[in-house]
Each structure stands twice: as structure tokens, then as C-alpha cells.
Amino acid sequence: MANNRYVMFEVQAFATETFAAFGASALAHAIDQVSEDISFDHGFNMPVTSAKRAPRDRLLGPILGGGDIACPMYSLGFSTLAYYALGKNATLVGDGANGAEVGAFIHTITPGTTVPAFRMGIGKDKNEHQFVGCAFKSVKLDYSIDNPALATFDTLVRKELTPGTIQTPTFPDYDVSERTFIGTEVVAEIDDTIIAFVRSASIEINNTLVEDNHTFGNRHMPELVVQDLEVKGNLTLSFDSIDRYNEVHDEDELKLELIFTQNAISSLTHRQVKVTLPKISLDTGKLPTDGNKEYIMNIDFTAEAINNDDELILIDIINEEAAAAHTA
């Protein structure tokens, strides 16, 4: 059996139940995922009455699907999924002086008042499993020094259609520019100063989507409803100085940035993903003693708003994809 596995996405209204072949669309985004686990709860109801010990025949209740999709955090493809997760985008054209070369683009992704809905096709060797009415409930960005940067998207799915014809999408080449980040390509900054000895970092963005708004006459959700936004995270670092501990003790509010960079800024192959949390509150700072082992500090934090703005987080991405394709 041929190995033909992928996830493809394209913006589509939440309640639309048609699925045109991706081959007819130049704006569909193909992702070489690490893993996916999409499944459905069919909402079967088995009434139990006093006349019988066994349940009566099933009744068909509300349907809801979802699950996780994990993919490498490369600048092409992931950039669109980050937009789907947050909902708002502004794009600058590179001019050689604004951090990107001519021919490249800087996409700044921030939280919107809602998030885009999309359709999704998952290739599973023999068929493409097709889903409509999709949206991201949350996304978790993970990085540790010995693993590539990874993004995991917790996905809400309204409806699965009949499987279709398998596609043969093209993926990023994992060449000099289109690949994920690892090792020395990642730095962390607090208040615009690089902090050393970071072992791992994670940031989770939660959109708090409504999942139980089914209404009379339809087993599927009628609309996409977005509630409050929450951004939390964690840093693990070697205990090299008392500074981080004092920041937790003093209940400081800080700016945090994780900057993933490939190649020189002066090159068209320059790629960057910069995650900025303009203000975080350090919730806990654990510094346990474990025999004579190295001290490792673990910090949990929560993002805060500045000036009552919803921009708890900003993600700046540099790639060679124009705005129209990036947000499709």
C-alpha cells in the first residue's frame, strides 16, 4: 500500500456542507503532519424503561467531532494554521529594510473577534477523509532543545462527509528555508534581553469555542461561537542565576518573546517565527531539590492584556507567501 498521508485546509463557512476537490484550488494548504487523531461522538441515546432490562433501540442525538493535529512549526503552512487559530492578520511586503528581503512577506497574526472556519481533508493512504465546519479550539506551541519545534491544534469538527479521492499534495522540502526550527535557531527574551539556559518552552492559546449549541431539527452544530481567549505557558530552565526566581517572588509582569530564526536577514531564504507575549504574569516558580542533581526551575505564566486590548499574543512570521494565499 502506498504511503500517502497529509492534512489539507482551506477557509470555508462553518455551516457549508459541500466539498469541492482540493485539486481545483490553488489556495489549499497541504500539511505534512506528524500525527492526527480526528474522531466523532455520534450522540446515540439508548433509553432505559421500566418494562425491559435491556435498553430500547437507539435514538440519534447530537453529533460532534474533533481531535488533535500535530505538525512541525515551519514558516510555510503553519503560518496559515496560526491565522486560523487566532483570527486576525496584517501583512507587510519585504523591502530589504523592514526585516524581510524583497520577495518575502511579514505576517503579523493576532487575536480577532472570531476565528475562521475551514474545511479539511485528511489523506489516509487509500482515501481522503473529508470534514466541513472545522475550527481550532486551541493550539499548543512546544519546543525543547533536543526536538524540532512543534504545534498541536485541538480541532472542532462539525461534520464528516463521505471519503473522497486521495490527493498527491506538495510539501515544504525541509531544505535550507522551508523546514522547522531546532537548537541554536531559537532564543528566548524577557523584556528584550536574551535569557540563557532555557531547556524547554510551551505556549497554549485557548479559544473556548462553544461545543453544545445544537438546536432543534439538526444533529449538527448550527454556527461557530467564540468565547473568552486564554493564553498560558511554561518555561523550564537551568538555575543559572537568582534573577528569574526573584521575578516570580516579586510578582513581576514581563514581556516574553520566543524567536525562531533561519538564515541571514539579508537572504531571501531568511525565515522567522516570533511569538510575543507583551505582558505575562509569573504564576508559579518551582525550584525543587532532588538529591544532588542539577537545579531546574519551572515557571508557569499567564498572558495579560495591555490597555484593555485583546492582543495577548502576537505571532510574526516571515515567508514567501503573499497575504491572499496565507489567509485562504
Protein backbone atom coordinates (compact mmCIF):
# COMPACT_ATOMS: atom_id res chain seq x y z
CA MET A 1 0.00 0.00 0.00
CA ALA A 2 1.32 3.44 -0.95
CA ASN A 3 2.08 5.82 1.89
CA ASN A 4 0.01 8.89 1.05
CA ARG A 5 -0.79 10.84 4.21
CA TYR A 6 -1.50 14.53 4.63
CA VAL A 7 -3.87 17.15 6.00
CA MET A 8 -5.20 19.89 3.69
CA PHE A 9 -7.08 23.02 4.73
CA GLU A 10 -8.99 25.86 3.12
CA VAL A 11 -11.25 28.59 4.53
CA GLN A 12 -14.94 27.76 4.19
CA ALA A 13 -18.07 28.94 6.02
CA PHE A 14 -18.87 26.85 9.10
CA ALA A 15 -22.32 25.59 8.00
CA THR A 16 -21.36 24.86 4.36
CA GLU A 17 -21.69 21.13 3.68
CA THR A 18 -20.21 20.87 0.17
CA PHE A 19 -16.63 19.83 -0.52
CA ALA A 20 -15.01 20.73 -3.84
CA ALA A 21 -11.90 18.78 -4.77
CA PHE A 22 -8.75 20.45 -3.46
CA GLY A 23 -7.15 19.89 -6.83
CA ALA A 24 -9.31 22.70 -8.22
CA SER A 25 -7.97 25.19 -5.70
CA ALA A 26 -4.52 26.72 -5.82
CA LEU A 27 -5.03 28.17 -2.32
CA ALA A 28 -5.45 24.93 -0.38
CA HIS A 29 -2.77 24.40 2.28
CA ALA A 30 -1.13 20.97 2.49
CA ILE A 31 0.49 19.97 5.79
CA ASP A 32 2.93 17.11 6.29
CA GLN A 33 1.60 16.34 9.75
CA VAL A 34 3.36 14.41 12.50
CA SER A 35 0.07 12.93 13.68
CA GLU A 36 -3.69 13.43 13.67
CA ASP A 37 -6.49 11.88 15.68
CA ILE A 38 -9.90 13.09 14.49
CA SER A 39 -12.94 11.14 15.67
CA PHE A 40 -16.68 11.62 16.26
CA ASP A 41 -19.17 11.13 19.07
CA HIS A 42 -22.42 10.22 17.31
CA GLY A 43 -24.57 11.05 20.32
CA PHE A 44 -26.50 7.79 20.38
CA ASN A 45 -29.11 7.65 23.14
CA MET A 46 -30.23 4.24 24.49
CA PRO A 47 -33.43 4.82 26.51
CA VAL A 48 -33.95 2.59 29.53
CA THR A 49 -37.54 2.00 30.63
CA SER A 50 -39.13 0.03 33.45
CA ALA A 51 -40.66 -2.63 31.22
CA LYS A 52 -37.38 -4.10 29.99
CA ARG A 53 -33.95 -4.80 31.45
CA ALA A 54 -32.21 -4.05 28.16
CA PRO A 55 -32.09 -0.56 26.62
CA ARG A 56 -34.57 0.26 23.89
CA ASP A 57 -33.49 0.89 20.30
CA ARG A 58 -31.08 3.77 19.95
CA LEU A 59 -32.11 7.32 19.24
CA LEU A 60 -29.88 9.61 17.16
CA GLY A 61 -28.65 12.55 19.21
CA PRO A 62 -26.28 15.47 18.50
CA ILE A 63 -23.06 14.73 16.59
CA LEU A 64 -19.73 16.37 17.38
CA GLY A 65 -16.23 15.60 16.19
CA GLY A 66 -12.69 16.73 16.82
CA GLY A 67 -9.19 15.83 17.92
CA ASP A 68 -5.55 16.84 17.71
CA ILE A 69 -3.42 17.58 14.65
CA ALA A 70 0.33 17.97 15.27
CA CYS A 71 2.70 19.47 12.71
CA PRO A 72 6.23 20.88 12.57
CA MET A 73 6.37 24.63 13.11
CA TYR A 74 7.83 25.57 9.73
CA SER A 75 7.12 29.03 8.37
CA LEU A 76 5.05 27.84 5.39
CA GLY A 77 1.76 26.10 6.20
CA PHE A 78 1.99 26.58 9.95
CA SER A 79 1.61 30.30 9.30
CA THR A 80 -1.91 29.78 7.92
CA LEU A 81 -2.89 27.45 10.75
CA ALA A 82 -1.72 30.07 13.25
CA TYR A 83 -4.01 32.56 11.48
CA TYR A 84 -6.90 30.07 11.70
CA ALA A 85 -6.23 29.73 15.44
CA LEU A 86 -6.09 33.46 16.20
CA GLY A 87 -8.25 35.09 13.54
CA LYS A 88 -6.57 38.36 12.51
CA ASN A 89 -3.69 39.07 10.11
CA ALA A 90 -1.75 42.04 8.76
CA THR A 91 0.93 41.56 6.07
CA LEU A 92 3.89 43.73 5.14
CA VAL A 93 5.78 43.29 1.87
CA GLY A 94 9.51 42.84 2.40
CA ASP A 95 11.59 45.76 1.19
CA GLY A 96 15.06 44.77 2.40
CA ALA A 97 14.93 47.28 5.25
CA ASN A 98 11.98 46.08 7.35
CA GLY A 99 13.40 42.69 8.36
CA ALA A 100 12.47 40.82 5.18
CA GLU A 101 14.01 40.82 1.72
CA VAL A 102 12.20 41.87 -1.46
CA GLY A 103 10.03 38.91 -2.45
CA ALA A 104 9.30 37.90 1.14
CA PHE A 105 6.41 38.85 3.42
CA ILE A 106 5.97 39.56 7.14
CA HIS A 107 2.66 38.26 8.51
CA THR A 108 1.59 39.55 11.93
CA ILE A 109 -1.09 37.31 13.42
CA THR A 110 -3.12 38.50 16.42
CA PRO A 111 -6.38 37.54 18.14
CA GLY A 112 -9.54 38.59 16.29
CA THR A 113 -13.12 38.92 17.45
CA THR A 114 -13.76 35.49 15.89
CA VAL A 115 -11.72 32.76 14.18
CA PRO A 116 -12.01 31.44 10.61
CA ALA A 117 -13.90 28.24 9.88
CA PHE A 118 -12.41 25.88 7.32
CA ARG A 119 -12.80 22.57 5.54
CA MET A 120 -10.24 19.83 5.94
CA GLY A 121 -9.15 16.75 4.00
CA ILE A 122 -7.03 14.07 5.64
CA GLY A 123 -5.24 11.64 3.36
CA LYS A 124 -5.07 8.13 4.78
CA ASP A 125 -3.30 6.11 2.07
CA LYS A 126 -6.45 4.95 0.20
CA ASN A 127 -8.93 7.81 0.56
CA GLU A 128 -9.21 11.42 1.59
CA HIS A 129 -11.41 11.76 4.69
CA GLN A 130 -13.36 14.98 4.28
CA PHE A 131 -14.59 17.30 7.03
CA VAL A 132 -16.57 20.55 6.98
CA GLY A 133 -17.34 23.08 9.70
CA CYS A 134 -13.88 22.97 11.27
CA ALA A 135 -12.26 25.43 13.68
CA PHE A 136 -9.40 25.38 16.14
CA LYS A 137 -10.34 25.20 19.81
CA SER A 138 -6.74 25.68 20.89
CA VAL A 139 -3.13 25.45 19.76
CA LYS A 140 -0.09 24.50 21.79
CA LEU A 141 3.40 25.52 20.68
CA ASP A 142 6.14 23.27 22.09
CA TYR A 143 9.89 23.47 21.88
CA SER A 144 12.68 21.66 23.70
CA ILE A 145 16.37 21.80 22.92
CA ASP A 146 16.54 18.23 21.61
CA ASN A 147 13.38 18.24 19.45
CA PRO A 148 12.07 20.26 16.49
CA ALA A 149 9.55 23.00 17.24
CA LEU A 150 6.04 21.53 17.13
CA ALA A 151 2.49 22.90 17.04
CA THR A 152 -0.54 20.87 18.14
CA PHE A 153 -4.01 22.06 17.11
CA ASP A 154 -7.07 20.86 19.03
CA THR A 155 -9.74 20.86 16.34
CA LEU A 156 -13.54 21.15 16.46
CA VAL A 157 -15.30 19.41 13.54
CA ARG A 158 -18.98 19.88 12.71
CA LYS A 159 -19.49 17.11 10.14
CA GLU A 160 -17.68 14.33 8.27
CA LEU A 161 -18.64 13.67 4.65
CA THR A 162 -18.19 10.51 2.57
CA PRO A 163 -14.46 9.85 1.92
CA GLY A 164 -13.21 11.16 -1.42
CA THR A 165 -10.34 10.60 -3.83
CA ILE A 166 -6.81 10.69 -2.41
CA GLN A 167 -4.65 13.69 -3.43
CA THR A 168 -0.91 13.98 -4.03
CA PRO A 169 -0.04 17.30 -2.38
CA THR A 170 3.35 19.02 -2.40
CA PHE A 171 5.01 19.71 0.95
CA PRO A 172 7.81 22.04 2.06
CA ASP A 173 11.13 20.50 1.12
CA TYR A 174 12.82 20.70 4.53
CA ASP A 175 15.60 22.39 2.63
CA VAL A 176 17.63 25.47 3.54
CA SER A 177 14.48 27.57 4.08
CA GLU A 178 11.28 25.52 4.34
CA ARG A 179 11.76 23.45 7.47
CA THR A 180 11.08 23.63 11.17
CA PHE A 181 13.45 25.03 13.81
CA ILE A 182 15.79 23.39 16.31
CA GLY A 183 18.75 24.05 18.59
CA THR A 184 20.58 27.34 18.23
CA GLU A 185 17.91 28.71 15.88
CA VAL A 186 15.72 29.53 18.89
CA VAL A 187 16.23 32.22 21.53
CA ALA A 188 14.07 33.44 24.41
CA GLU A 189 13.92 37.06 25.54
CA ILE A 190 12.45 38.70 28.62
CA ASP A 191 11.96 42.45 28.38
CA ASP A 192 14.06 42.46 25.16
CA THR A 193 17.05 40.76 26.82
CA ILE A 194 18.11 37.23 25.87
CA ILE A 195 17.79 34.78 28.74
CA ALA A 196 20.20 31.85 28.87
CA PHE A 197 19.86 28.19 29.77
CA VAL A 198 16.25 27.68 28.63
CA ARG A 199 15.59 23.95 28.33
CA SER A 200 12.01 23.98 27.01
CA ALA A 201 9.05 26.27 26.44
CA SER A 202 5.37 25.83 25.70
CA ILE A 203 2.55 28.29 25.00
CA GLU A 204 -1.13 27.32 24.77
CA ILE A 205 -3.80 29.52 23.17
CA ASN A 206 -7.38 28.56 24.08
CA ASN A 207 -10.31 29.98 22.08
CA THR A 208 -13.00 28.46 24.34
CA LEU A 209 -15.34 27.54 21.47
CA VAL A 210 -18.94 26.63 22.27
CA GLU A 211 -19.44 22.89 21.67
CA ASP A 212 -23.01 22.31 22.86
CA ASN A 213 -25.14 24.81 20.91
CA HIS A 214 -27.08 22.19 18.93
CA THR A 215 -30.65 23.26 18.15
CA PHE A 216 -33.94 21.58 17.19
CA GLY A 217 -34.10 19.94 13.79
CA ASN A 218 -30.39 19.27 13.14
CA ARG A 219 -27.89 16.84 14.65
CA HIS A 220 -25.03 19.18 13.73
CA MET A 221 -23.98 22.49 15.29
CA PRO A 222 -25.64 25.48 13.56
CA GLU A 223 -22.90 28.08 13.99
CA LEU A 224 -19.42 28.77 15.32
CA VAL A 225 -19.37 30.71 18.59
CA VAL A 226 -16.13 32.04 20.11
CA GLN A 227 -15.94 32.89 23.81
CA ASP A 228 -13.10 34.16 26.00
CA LEU A 229 -9.44 33.95 24.99
CA GLU A 230 -6.84 32.49 27.34
CA VAL A 231 -3.07 32.23 26.80
CA LYS A 232 -0.89 30.31 29.26
CA GLY A 233 2.56 28.79 29.13
CA ASN A 234 5.58 27.27 30.77
CA LEU A 235 9.35 27.76 30.78
CA THR A 236 11.90 25.24 32.05
CA LEU A 237 15.45 26.48 32.55
CA SER A 238 18.68 25.67 34.31
CA PHE A 239 19.03 27.64 37.51
CA ASP A 240 21.95 29.85 36.49
CA SER A 241 21.05 32.99 38.44
CA ILE A 242 18.59 34.25 41.04
CA ASP A 243 17.00 36.72 38.57
CA ARG A 244 14.16 34.51 37.34
CA TYR A 245 13.36 33.38 40.87
CA ASN A 246 13.25 36.97 42.09
CA GLU A 247 10.89 37.91 39.26
CA VAL A 248 8.43 35.27 40.45
CA HIS A 249 8.90 36.25 44.10
CA ASP A 250 8.42 39.95 43.34
CA GLU A 251 5.29 39.21 41.25
CA ASP A 252 6.78 40.98 38.23
CA GLU A 253 4.92 41.45 34.95
CA LEU A 254 7.21 40.88 31.98
CA LYS A 255 7.36 40.79 28.19
CA LEU A 256 8.27 37.36 26.78
CA GLU A 257 9.42 36.54 23.25
CA LEU A 258 10.39 33.25 21.61
CA ILE A 259 12.24 33.89 18.36
CA PHE A 260 12.79 31.08 15.82
CA THR A 261 15.16 32.13 13.01
CA GLN A 262 16.80 30.52 9.97
CA ASN A 263 19.42 32.10 7.72
CA ALA A 264 20.63 35.69 7.47
CA ILE A 265 18.14 38.55 7.31
CA SER A 266 19.80 39.73 4.09
CA SER A 267 18.84 36.47 2.34
CA LEU A 268 15.58 35.59 0.61
CA THR A 269 15.80 32.23 2.41
CA HIS A 270 15.51 34.05 5.75
CA ARG A 271 12.63 32.60 7.77
CA GLN A 272 11.35 33.62 11.17
CA VAL A 273 8.57 32.81 13.60
CA LYS A 274 8.47 35.25 16.51
CA VAL A 275 5.99 34.67 19.32
CA THR A 276 5.47 37.74 21.51
CA LEU A 277 3.52 37.94 24.75
CA PRO A 278 3.57 41.68 25.57
CA LYS A 279 2.79 41.11 29.24
CA ILE A 280 2.83 37.92 31.31
CA SER A 281 2.21 37.26 34.97
CA LEU A 282 4.51 34.64 36.51
CA ASP A 283 2.07 32.39 38.35
CA THR A 284 4.43 29.85 39.89
CA GLY A 285 8.17 29.28 40.07
CA LYS A 286 9.16 25.81 41.20
CA LEU A 287 12.76 25.14 42.24
CA PRO A 288 12.73 21.70 43.88
CA THR A 289 15.72 19.93 45.43
CA ASP A 290 16.27 16.39 44.15
CA GLY A 291 19.28 14.94 45.92
CA ASN A 292 22.48 16.28 44.38
CA LYS A 293 21.02 16.71 40.89
CA GLU A 294 21.15 19.95 38.96
CA TYR A 295 18.61 22.60 39.98
CA ILE A 296 15.94 23.05 37.29
CA MET A 297 13.42 25.88 37.56
CA ASN A 298 9.92 25.53 36.18
CA ILE A 299 7.84 28.68 35.60
CA ASP A 300 4.13 28.79 34.76
CA PHE A 301 2.74 32.04 33.37
CA THR A 302 -0.47 33.67 32.12
CA ALA A 303 -0.66 36.31 29.40
CA GLU A 304 -2.35 39.61 30.28
CA ALA A 305 -3.93 42.35 28.21
CA ILE A 306 -2.29 45.75 27.76
CA ASN A 307 -4.57 48.80 27.77
CA ASN A 308 -7.66 46.56 27.63
CA ASP A 309 -6.55 45.22 24.24
CA ASP A 310 -7.23 41.62 23.14
CA GLU A 311 -3.66 41.22 21.87
CA LEU A 312 -2.47 38.77 24.50
CA ILE A 313 -0.18 37.27 21.87
CA LEU A 314 1.36 38.25 18.52
CA ILE A 315 2.95 35.83 16.05
CA ASP A 316 5.18 37.35 13.36
CA ILE A 317 6.08 35.01 10.50
CA ILE A 318 8.42 35.68 7.57
CA ASN A 319 7.98 33.56 4.44
CA GLU A 320 7.48 33.93 0.68
CA GLU A 321 3.68 33.56 0.71
CA ALA A 322 1.55 36.58 -0.18
CA ALA A 323 -1.33 37.64 2.09
CA ALA A 324 -4.11 36.29 -0.17
CA ALA A 325 -2.66 32.78 -0.12
CA HIS A 326 -1.62 32.97 3.52
CA THR A 327 -5.18 33.67 4.77
CA ALA A 328 -7.03 31.42 2.28
